[in-house]
Amino acid sequence: MSRVCSITGARVTKGRKIHRSGLAKKKGGVGRHVTKTVKRTFSPNLRVKRIWVPELNRFIRVKVTARALKTIDKNGAYVTLKKAGLIK
């Protein structure tokens, strides 16, 4: 399964991390120097959840981010899942 949120569409993104060497001036060194940048990935905060939908009287199993769970709490399960196209 891919790492994509069913509701918000959040997915893995790419970025860079800056590698620095040396001791900080504050700690008695000559300062931190940038030596290189390294590629890395940022993963979404995903959870697989069973969400109770009272209108359908059943559970729906979805892969959602923590932010999407807050959206479900705010707008309601049925409205949010219908807008995402997970239920008809």
PDB file of N, CA and C in Angstrom:
ATOM      1  N   MET A   1       0.838  -1.190   0.000  1.00  0.00           N
ATOM      2  CA  MET A   1       0.000   0.000   0.000  1.00  0.00           C
ATOM      3  C   MET A   1       0.879   1.248   0.000  1.00  0.00           C
ATOM      4  N   SER A   2       0.426   2.261  -0.702  1.00  0.00           N
ATOM      5  CA  SER A   2       1.211   3.486  -0.785  1.00  0.00           C
ATOM      6  C   SER A   2       0.985   4.342   0.463  1.00  0.00           C
ATOM      7  N   ARG A   3       1.910   5.235   0.705  1.00  0.00           N
ATOM      8  CA  ARG A   3       1.819   6.125   1.864  1.00  0.00           C
ATOM      9  C   ARG A   3       1.111   7.410   1.477  1.00  0.00           C
ATOM     10  N   VAL A   4      -0.200   7.304   1.239  1.00  0.00           N
ATOM     11  CA  VAL A   4      -1.009   8.456   0.846  1.00  0.00           C
ATOM     12  C   VAL A   4      -2.254   8.491   1.712  1.00  0.00           C
ATOM     13  N   CYS A   5      -2.611   9.670   2.194  1.00  0.00           N
ATOM     14  CA  CYS A   5      -3.824   9.846   2.998  1.00  0.00           C
ATOM     15  C   CYS A   5      -5.045   9.776   2.084  1.00  0.00           C
ATOM     16  N   SER A   6      -6.057   9.025   2.513  1.00  0.00           N
ATOM     17  CA  SER A   6      -7.274   8.857   1.718  1.00  0.00           C
ATOM     18  C   SER A   6      -8.105  10.131   1.640  1.00  0.00           C
ATOM     19  N   ILE A   7      -7.979  11.002   2.632  1.00  0.00           N
ATOM     20  CA  ILE A   7      -8.826  12.199   2.698  1.00  0.00           C
ATOM     21  C   ILE A   7      -8.104  13.449   2.200  1.00  0.00           C
ATOM     22  N   THR A   8      -6.924  13.729   2.737  1.00  0.00           N
ATOM     23  CA  THR A   8      -6.226  14.966   2.374  1.00  0.00           C
ATOM     24  C   THR A   8      -5.318  14.802   1.155  1.00  0.00           C
ATOM     25  N   GLY A   9      -4.948  13.557   0.836  1.00  0.00           N
ATOM     26  CA  GLY A   9      -4.044  13.325  -0.294  1.00  0.00           C
ATOM     27  C   GLY A   9      -2.588  13.580   0.040  1.00  0.00           C
ATOM     28  N   ALA A  10      -2.271  13.743   1.321  1.00  0.00           N
ATOM     29  CA  ALA A  10      -0.882  13.976   1.728  1.00  0.00           C
ATOM     30  C   ALA A  10      -0.051  12.751   1.378  1.00  0.00           C
ATOM     31  N   ARG A  11       1.142  12.980   0.837  1.00  0.00           N
ATOM     32  CA  ARG A  11       2.000  11.872   0.440  1.00  0.00           C
ATOM     33  C   ARG A  11       3.448  12.156   0.808  1.00  0.00           C
ATOM     34  N   VAL A  12       4.333  11.195   0.571  1.00  0.00           N
ATOM     35  CA  VAL A  12       5.753  11.350   0.868  1.00  0.00           C
ATOM     36  C   VAL A  12       6.316  12.468  -0.007  1.00  0.00           C
ATOM     37  N   THR A  13       7.062  13.385   0.606  1.00  0.00           N
ATOM     38  CA  THR A  13       7.714  14.455  -0.142  1.00  0.00           C
ATOM     39  C   THR A  13       9.226  14.346   0.042  1.00  0.00           C
ATOM     40  N   LYS A  14       9.946  14.937  -0.901  1.00  0.00           N
ATOM     41  CA  LYS A  14      11.403  14.869  -0.856  1.00  0.00           C
ATOM     42  C   LYS A  14      11.976  16.208  -0.429  1.00  0.00           C
ATOM     43  N   GLY A  15      13.151  16.154   0.175  1.00  0.00           N
ATOM     44  CA  GLY A  15      13.817  17.372   0.607  1.00  0.00           C
ATOM     45  C   GLY A  15      15.292  17.115   0.821  1.00  0.00           C
ATOM     46  N   ARG A  16      15.933  18.032   1.502  1.00  0.00           N
ATOM     47  CA  ARG A  16      17.366  17.902   1.773  1.00  0.00           C
ATOM     48  C   ARG A  16      17.668  18.213   3.227  1.00  0.00           C
ATOM     49  N   LYS A  17      18.746  17.604   3.723  1.00  0.00           N
ATOM     50  CA  LYS A  17      19.247  17.876   5.061  1.00  0.00           C
ATOM     51  C   LYS A  17      20.658  18.426   4.893  1.00  0.00           C
ATOM     52  N   ILE A  18      20.963  19.511   5.602  1.00  0.00           N
ATOM     53  CA  ILE A  18      22.292  20.120   5.512  1.00  0.00           C
ATOM     54  C   ILE A  18      23.204  19.483   6.555  1.00  0.00           C
ATOM     55  N   HIS A  19      24.344  18.926   6.096  1.00  0.00           N
ATOM     56  CA  HIS A  19      25.337  18.361   7.008  1.00  0.00           C
ATOM     57  C   HIS A  19      26.322  19.453   7.391  1.00  0.00           C
ATOM     58  N   ARG A  20      26.531  19.602   8.668  1.00  0.00           N
ATOM     59  CA  ARG A  20      27.490  20.598   9.166  1.00  0.00           C
ATOM     60  C   ARG A  20      28.511  19.906  10.044  1.00  0.00           C
ATOM     61  N   SER A  21      29.766  20.341   9.944  1.00  0.00           N
ATOM     62  CA  SER A  21      30.812  19.773  10.788  1.00  0.00           C
ATOM     63  C   SER A  21      31.454  20.887  11.599  1.00  0.00           C
ATOM     64  N   GLY A  22      32.153  20.520  12.653  1.00  0.00           N
ATOM     65  CA  GLY A  22      32.848  21.486  13.485  1.00  0.00           C
ATOM     66  C   GLY A  22      32.100  21.785  14.765  1.00  0.00           C
ATOM     67  N   LEU A  23      32.741  22.511  15.647  1.00  0.00           N
ATOM     68  CA  LEU A  23      32.183  22.880  16.944  1.00  0.00           C
ATOM     69  C   LEU A  23      31.721  24.326  16.903  1.00  0.00           C
ATOM     70  N   ALA A  24      30.586  24.600  17.495  1.00  0.00           N
ATOM     71  CA  ALA A  24      30.033  25.951  17.495  1.00  0.00           C
ATOM     72  C   ALA A  24      30.966  26.926  18.206  1.00  0.00           C
ATOM     73  N   LYS A  25      30.961  28.175  17.747  1.00  0.00           N
ATOM     74  CA  LYS A  25      31.799  29.212  18.369  1.00  0.00           C
ATOM     75  C   LYS A  25      31.437  29.392  19.837  1.00  0.00           C
ATOM     76  N   LYS A  26      30.148  29.269  20.132  1.00  0.00           N
ATOM     77  CA  LYS A  26      29.670  29.430  21.504  1.00  0.00           C
ATOM     78  C   LYS A  26      30.289  28.390  22.449  1.00  0.00           C
ATOM     79  N   LYS A  27      30.645  27.238  21.861  1.00  0.00           N
ATOM     80  CA  LYS A  27      31.227  26.161  22.665  1.00  0.00           C
ATOM     81  C   LYS A  27      32.751  26.111  22.552  1.00  0.00           C
ATOM     82  N   GLY A  28      33.353  27.165  21.979  1.00  0.00           N
ATOM     83  CA  GLY A  28      34.811  27.241  21.924  1.00  0.00           C
ATOM     84  C   GLY A  28      35.433  26.783  20.622  1.00  0.00           C
ATOM     85  N   GLY A  29      34.625  26.505  19.617  1.00  0.00           N
ATOM     86  CA  GLY A  29      35.160  26.056  18.341  1.00  0.00           C
ATOM     87  C   GLY A  29      35.333  27.209  17.368  1.00  0.00           C
ATOM     88  N   VAL A  30      35.635  26.874  16.116  1.00  0.00           N
ATOM     89  CA  VAL A  30      35.822  27.896  15.087  1.00  0.00           C
ATOM     90  C   VAL A  30      34.552  28.132  14.283  1.00  0.00           C
ATOM     91  N   GLY A  31      33.483  27.421  14.608  1.00  0.00           N
ATOM     92  CA  GLY A  31      32.204  27.610  13.912  1.00  0.00           C
ATOM     93  C   GLY A  31      31.806  26.382  13.116  1.00  0.00           C
ATOM     94  N   ARG A  32      30.544  26.311  12.811  1.00  0.00           N
ATOM     95  CA  ARG A  32      30.013  25.171  12.058  1.00  0.00           C
ATOM     96  C   ARG A  32      30.105  25.468  10.567  1.00  0.00           C
ATOM     97  N   HIS A  33      30.559  24.498   9.795  1.00  0.00           N
ATOM     98  CA  HIS A  33      30.714  24.686   8.357  1.00  0.00           C
ATOM     99  C   HIS A  33      29.828  23.706   7.601  1.00  0.00           C
ATOM    100  N   VAL A  34      29.184  24.189   6.542  1.00  0.00           N
ATOM    101  CA  VAL A  34      28.363  23.326   5.698  1.00  0.00           C
ATOM    102  C   VAL A  34      29.294  22.473   4.853  1.00  0.00           C
ATOM    103  N   THR A  35      29.139  21.142   4.944  1.00  0.00           N
ATOM    104  CA  THR A  35      30.007  20.251   4.175  1.00  0.00           C
ATOM    105  C   THR A  35      29.287  19.687   2.957  1.00  0.00           C
ATOM    106  N   LYS A  36      27.992  19.366   3.100  1.00  0.00           N
ATOM    107  CA  LYS A  36      27.229  18.858   1.955  1.00  0.00           C
ATOM    108  C   LYS A  36      25.750  18.840   2.302  1.00  0.00           C
ATOM    109  N   THR A  37      24.926  18.584   1.287  1.00  0.00           N
ATOM    110  CA  THR A  37      23.503  18.368   1.518  1.00  0.00           C
ATOM    111  C   THR A  37      23.171  16.936   1.136  1.00  0.00           C
ATOM    112  N   VAL A  38      22.259  16.334   1.882  1.00  0.00           N
ATOM    113  CA  VAL A  38      21.893  14.943   1.690  1.00  0.00           C
ATOM    114  C   VAL A  38      20.394  14.859   1.420  1.00  0.00           C
ATOM    115  N   LYS A  39      20.004  14.062   0.437  1.00  0.00           N
ATOM    116  CA  LYS A  39      18.592  13.888   0.124  1.00  0.00           C
ATOM    117  C   LYS A  39      17.905  13.092   1.228  1.00  0.00           C
ATOM    118  N   ARG A  40      16.635  13.419   1.491  1.00  0.00           N
ATOM    119  CA  ARG A  40      15.850  12.680   2.478  1.00  0.00           C
ATOM    120  C   ARG A  40      14.386  12.755   2.104  1.00  0.00           C
ATOM    121  N   THR A  41      13.542  11.979   2.792  1.00  0.00           N
ATOM    122  CA  THR A  41      12.110  11.991   2.529  1.00  0.00           C
ATOM    123  C   THR A  41      11.355  12.371   3.796  1.00  0.00           C
ATOM    124  N   PHE A  42      10.234  13.042   3.608  1.00  0.00           N
ATOM    125  CA  PHE A  42       9.341  13.403   4.696  1.00  0.00           C
ATOM    126  C   PHE A  42       8.083  12.548   4.563  1.00  0.00           C
ATOM    127  N   SER A  43       7.819  11.684   5.538  1.00  0.00           N
ATOM    128  CA  SER A  43       6.661  10.799   5.476  1.00  0.00           C
ATOM    129  C   SER A  43       5.476  11.427   6.186  1.00  0.00           C
ATOM    130  N   PRO A  44       4.242  11.230   5.671  1.00  0.00           N
ATOM    131  CA  PRO A  44       3.061  11.737   6.357  1.00  0.00           C
ATOM    132  C   PRO A  44       2.781  10.922   7.618  1.00  0.00           C
ATOM    133  N   ASN A  45       2.100  11.538   8.560  1.00  0.00           N
ATOM    134  CA  ASN A  45       1.779  10.903   9.847  1.00  0.00           C
ATOM    135  C   ASN A  45       0.523  10.049   9.671  1.00  0.00           C
ATOM    136  N   LEU A  46       0.690   8.849   9.078  1.00  0.00           N
ATOM    137  CA  LEU A  46      -0.457   8.013   8.701  1.00  0.00           C
ATOM    138  C   LEU A  46      -0.866   7.037   9.785  1.00  0.00           C
ATOM    139  N   ARG A  47      -2.174   6.787   9.850  1.00  0.00           N
ATOM    140  CA  ARG A  47      -2.763   5.770  10.703  1.00  0.00           C
ATOM    141  C   ARG A  47      -3.819   5.024   9.897  1.00  0.00           C
ATOM    142  N   VAL A  48      -3.970   3.730  10.147  1.00  0.00           N
ATOM    143  CA  VAL A  48      -5.076   2.974   9.558  1.00  0.00           C
ATOM    144  C   VAL A  48      -6.166   2.921  10.616  1.00  0.00           C
ATOM    145  N   LYS A  49      -7.333   3.473  10.306  1.00  0.00           N
ATOM    146  CA  LYS A  49      -8.404   3.600  11.290  1.00  0.00           C
ATOM    147  C   LYS A  49      -9.700   2.999  10.779  1.00  0.00           C
ATOM    148  N   ARG A  50     -10.497   2.494  11.711  1.00  0.00           N
ATOM    149  CA  ARG A  50     -11.875   2.104  11.434  1.00  0.00           C
ATOM    150  C   ARG A  50     -12.749   3.229  11.953  1.00  0.00           C
ATOM    151  N   ILE A  51     -13.448   3.891  11.050  1.00  0.00           N
ATOM    152  CA  ILE A  51     -14.264   5.045  11.435  1.00  0.00           C
ATOM    153  C   ILE A  51     -15.731   4.650  11.378  1.00  0.00           C
ATOM    154  N   TRP A  52     -16.448   4.874  12.478  1.00  0.00           N
ATOM    155  CA  TRP A  52     -17.867   4.555  12.554  1.00  0.00           C
ATOM    156  C   TRP A  52     -18.666   5.642  11.846  1.00  0.00           C
ATOM    157  N   VAL A  53     -19.517   5.227  10.899  1.00  0.00           N
ATOM    158  CA  VAL A  53     -20.383   6.153  10.177  1.00  0.00           C
ATOM    159  C   VAL A  53     -21.825   5.834  10.570  1.00  0.00           C
ATOM    160  N   PRO A  54     -22.433   6.667  11.436  1.00  0.00           N
ATOM    161  CA  PRO A  54     -23.783   6.375  11.928  1.00  0.00           C
ATOM    162  C   PRO A  54     -24.833   6.339  10.814  1.00  0.00           C
ATOM    163  N   GLU A  55     -24.674   7.181   9.779  1.00  0.00           N
ATOM    164  CA  GLU A  55     -25.649   7.225   8.688  1.00  0.00           C
ATOM    165  C   GLU A  55     -25.715   5.894   7.925  1.00  0.00           C
ATOM    166  N   LEU A  56     -24.580   5.193   7.823  1.00  0.00           N
ATOM    167  CA  LEU A  56     -24.528   3.905   7.130  1.00  0.00           C
ATOM    168  C   LEU A  56     -24.631   2.731   8.094  1.00  0.00           C
ATOM    169  N   ASN A  57     -24.507   3.033   9.392  1.00  0.00           N
ATOM    170  CA  ASN A  57     -24.574   2.031  10.458  1.00  0.00           C
ATOM    171  C   ASN A  57     -23.483   0.964  10.301  1.00  0.00           C
ATOM    172  N   ARG A  58     -22.255   1.405   9.939  1.00  0.00           N
ATOM    173  CA  ARG A  58     -21.140   0.483   9.789  1.00  0.00           C
ATOM    174  C   ARG A  58     -19.807   1.221   9.895  1.00  0.00           C
ATOM    175  N   PHE A  59     -18.735   0.447  10.014  1.00  0.00           N
ATOM    176  CA  PHE A  59     -17.382   0.988  10.053  1.00  0.00           C
ATOM    177  C   PHE A  59     -16.824   1.092   8.641  1.00  0.00           C
ATOM    178  N   ILE A  60     -15.987   2.113   8.402  1.00  0.00           N
ATOM    179  CA  ILE A  60     -15.238   2.259   7.158  1.00  0.00           C
ATOM    180  C   ILE A  60     -13.757   2.259   7.539  1.00  0.00           C
ATOM    181  N   ARG A  61     -12.975   1.413   6.876  1.00  0.00           N
ATOM    182  CA  ARG A  61     -11.535   1.328   7.166  1.00  0.00           C
ATOM    183  C   ARG A  61     -10.794   2.240   6.197  1.00  0.00           C
ATOM    184  N   VAL A  62     -10.046   3.220   6.734  1.00  0.00           N
ATOM    185  CA  VAL A  62      -9.337   4.179   5.896  1.00  0.00           C
ATOM    186  C   VAL A  62      -7.923   4.411   6.425  1.00  0.00           C
ATOM    187  N   LYS A  63      -7.042   4.820   5.523  1.00  0.00           N
ATOM    188  CA  LYS A  63      -5.682   5.215   5.896  1.00  0.00           C
ATOM    189  C   LYS A  63      -5.644   6.731   5.893  1.00  0.00           C
ATOM    190  N   VAL A  64      -5.503   7.336   7.066  1.00  0.00           N
ATOM    191  CA  VAL A  64      -5.601   8.793   7.191  1.00  0.00           C
ATOM    192  C   VAL A  64      -4.441   9.354   8.002  1.00  0.00           C
ATOM    193  N   THR A  65      -4.159  10.647   7.783  1.00  0.00           N
ATOM    194  CA  THR A  65      -3.167  11.349   8.576  1.00  0.00           C
ATOM    195  C   THR A  65      -3.821  11.838   9.862  1.00  0.00           C
ATOM    196  N   ALA A  66      -3.009  12.262  10.802  1.00  0.00           N
ATOM    197  CA  ALA A  66      -3.517  12.803  12.058  1.00  0.00           C
ATOM    198  C   ALA A  66      -4.326  14.070  11.791  1.00  0.00           C
ATOM    199  N   ARG A  67      -3.921  14.857  10.804  1.00  0.00           N
ATOM    200  CA  ARG A  67      -4.656  16.073  10.446  1.00  0.00           C
ATOM    201  C   ARG A  67      -6.037  15.730   9.889  1.00  0.00           C
ATOM    202  N   ALA A  68      -6.131  14.649   9.117  1.00  0.00           N
ATOM    203  CA  ALA A  68      -7.420  14.230   8.558  1.00  0.00           C
ATOM    204  C   ALA A  68      -8.372  13.766   9.657  1.00  0.00           C
ATOM    205  N   LEU A  69      -7.828  13.160  10.708  1.00  0.00           N
ATOM    206  CA  LEU A  69      -8.671  12.754  11.839  1.00  0.00           C
ATOM    207  C   LEU A  69      -9.316  13.970  12.496  1.00  0.00           C
ATOM    208  N   LYS A  70      -8.580  15.058  12.575  1.00  0.00           N
ATOM    209  CA  LYS A  70      -9.139  16.295  13.127  1.00  0.00           C
ATOM    210  C   LYS A  70     -10.236  16.840  12.223  1.00  0.00           C
ATOM    211  N   THR A  71     -10.065  16.697  10.913  1.00  0.00           N
ATOM    212  CA  THR A  71     -11.077  17.131   9.954  1.00  0.00           C
ATOM    213  C   THR A  71     -12.352  16.307  10.111  1.00  0.00           C
ATOM    214  N   ILE A  72     -12.197  15.001  10.321  1.00  0.00           N
ATOM    215  CA  ILE A  72     -13.348  14.121  10.527  1.00  0.00           C
ATOM    216  C   ILE A  72     -14.088  14.508  11.802  1.00  0.00           C
ATOM    217  N   ASP A  73     -13.351  14.811  12.860  1.00  0.00           N
ATOM    218  CA  ASP A  73     -13.979  15.246  14.115  1.00  0.00           C
ATOM    219  C   ASP A  73     -14.751  16.544  13.928  1.00  0.00           C
ATOM    220  N   LYS A  74     -14.200  17.439  13.139  1.00  0.00           N
ATOM    221  CA  LYS A  74     -14.815  18.755  12.963  1.00  0.00           C
ATOM    222  C   LYS A  74     -16.051  18.696  12.067  1.00  0.00           C
ATOM    223  N   ASN A  75     -15.954  18.052  10.897  1.00  0.00           N
ATOM    224  CA  ASN A  75     -17.028  18.076   9.900  1.00  0.00           C
ATOM    225  C   ASN A  75     -17.957  16.878   9.955  1.00  0.00           C
ATOM    226  N   GLY A  76     -17.564  15.824  10.645  1.00  0.00           N
ATOM    227  CA  GLY A  76     -18.365  14.605  10.691  1.00  0.00           C
ATOM    228  C   GLY A  76     -17.834  13.571   9.722  1.00  0.00           C
ATOM    229  N   ALA A  77     -18.022  12.299  10.079  1.00  0.00           N
ATOM    230  CA  ALA A  77     -17.465  11.202   9.289  1.00  0.00           C
ATOM    231  C   ALA A  77     -18.130  11.098   7.925  1.00  0.00           C
ATOM    232  N   TYR A  78     -19.456  11.128   7.885  1.00  0.00           N
ATOM    233  CA  TYR A  78     -20.172  10.906   6.627  1.00  0.00           C
ATOM    234  C   TYR A  78     -19.835  11.986   5.596  1.00  0.00           C
ATOM    235  N   VAL A  79     -19.882  13.252   6.011  1.00  0.00           N
ATOM    236  CA  VAL A  79     -19.619  14.368   5.098  1.00  0.00           C
ATOM    237  C   VAL A  79     -18.195  14.313   4.562  1.00  0.00           C
ATOM    238  N   THR A  80     -17.230  14.069   5.449  1.00  0.00           N
ATOM    239  CA  THR A  80     -15.816  14.059   5.051  1.00  0.00           C
ATOM    240  C   THR A  80     -15.502  12.893   4.116  1.00  0.00           C
ATOM    241  N   LEU A  81     -15.991  11.702   4.445  1.00  0.00           N
ATOM    242  CA  LEU A  81     -15.717  10.531   3.613  1.00  0.00           C
ATOM    243  C   LEU A  81     -16.423  10.619   2.260  1.00  0.00           C
ATOM    244  N   LYS A  82     -17.615  11.218   2.228  1.00  0.00           N
ATOM    245  CA  LYS A  82     -18.338  11.376   0.970  1.00  0.00           C
ATOM    246  C   LYS A  82     -17.620  12.371   0.056  1.00  0.00           C
ATOM    247  N   LYS A  83     -17.116  13.459   0.641  1.00  0.00           N
ATOM    248  CA  LYS A  83     -16.380  14.464  -0.134  1.00  0.00           C
ATOM    249  C   LYS A  83     -15.089  13.875  -0.709  1.00  0.00           C
ATOM    250  N   ALA A  84     -14.466  12.962   0.040  1.00  0.00           N
ATOM    251  CA  ALA A  84     -13.237  12.315  -0.419  1.00  0.00           C
ATOM    252  C   ALA A  84     -13.519  11.215  -1.444  1.00  0.00           C
ATOM    253  N   GLY A  85     -14.776  10.833  -1.600  1.00  0.00           N
ATOM    254  CA  GLY A  85     -15.151   9.811  -2.577  1.00  0.00           C
ATOM    255  C   GLY A  85     -14.971   8.393  -2.079  1.00  0.00           C
ATOM    256  N   LEU A  86     -14.918   8.202  -0.766  1.00  0.00           N
ATOM    257  CA  LEU A  86     -14.735   6.881  -0.201  1.00  0.00           C
ATOM    258  C   LEU A  86     -16.046   6.139   0.012  1.00  0.00           C
ATOM    259  N   ILE A  87     -17.168   6.880   0.074  1.00  0.00           N
ATOM    260  CA  ILE A  87     -18.482   6.267   0.198  1.00  0.00           C
ATOM    261  C   ILE A  87     -19.417   6.935  -0.804  1.00  0.00           C
ATOM    262  N   LYS A  88     -20.497   6.228  -1.140  1.00  0.00           N
ATOM    263  CA  LYS A  88     -21.438   6.764  -2.130  1.00  0.00           C
ATOM    264  C   LYS A  88     -22.717   7.242  -1.497  1.00  0.00           C
TER     265      LYS A  88
END
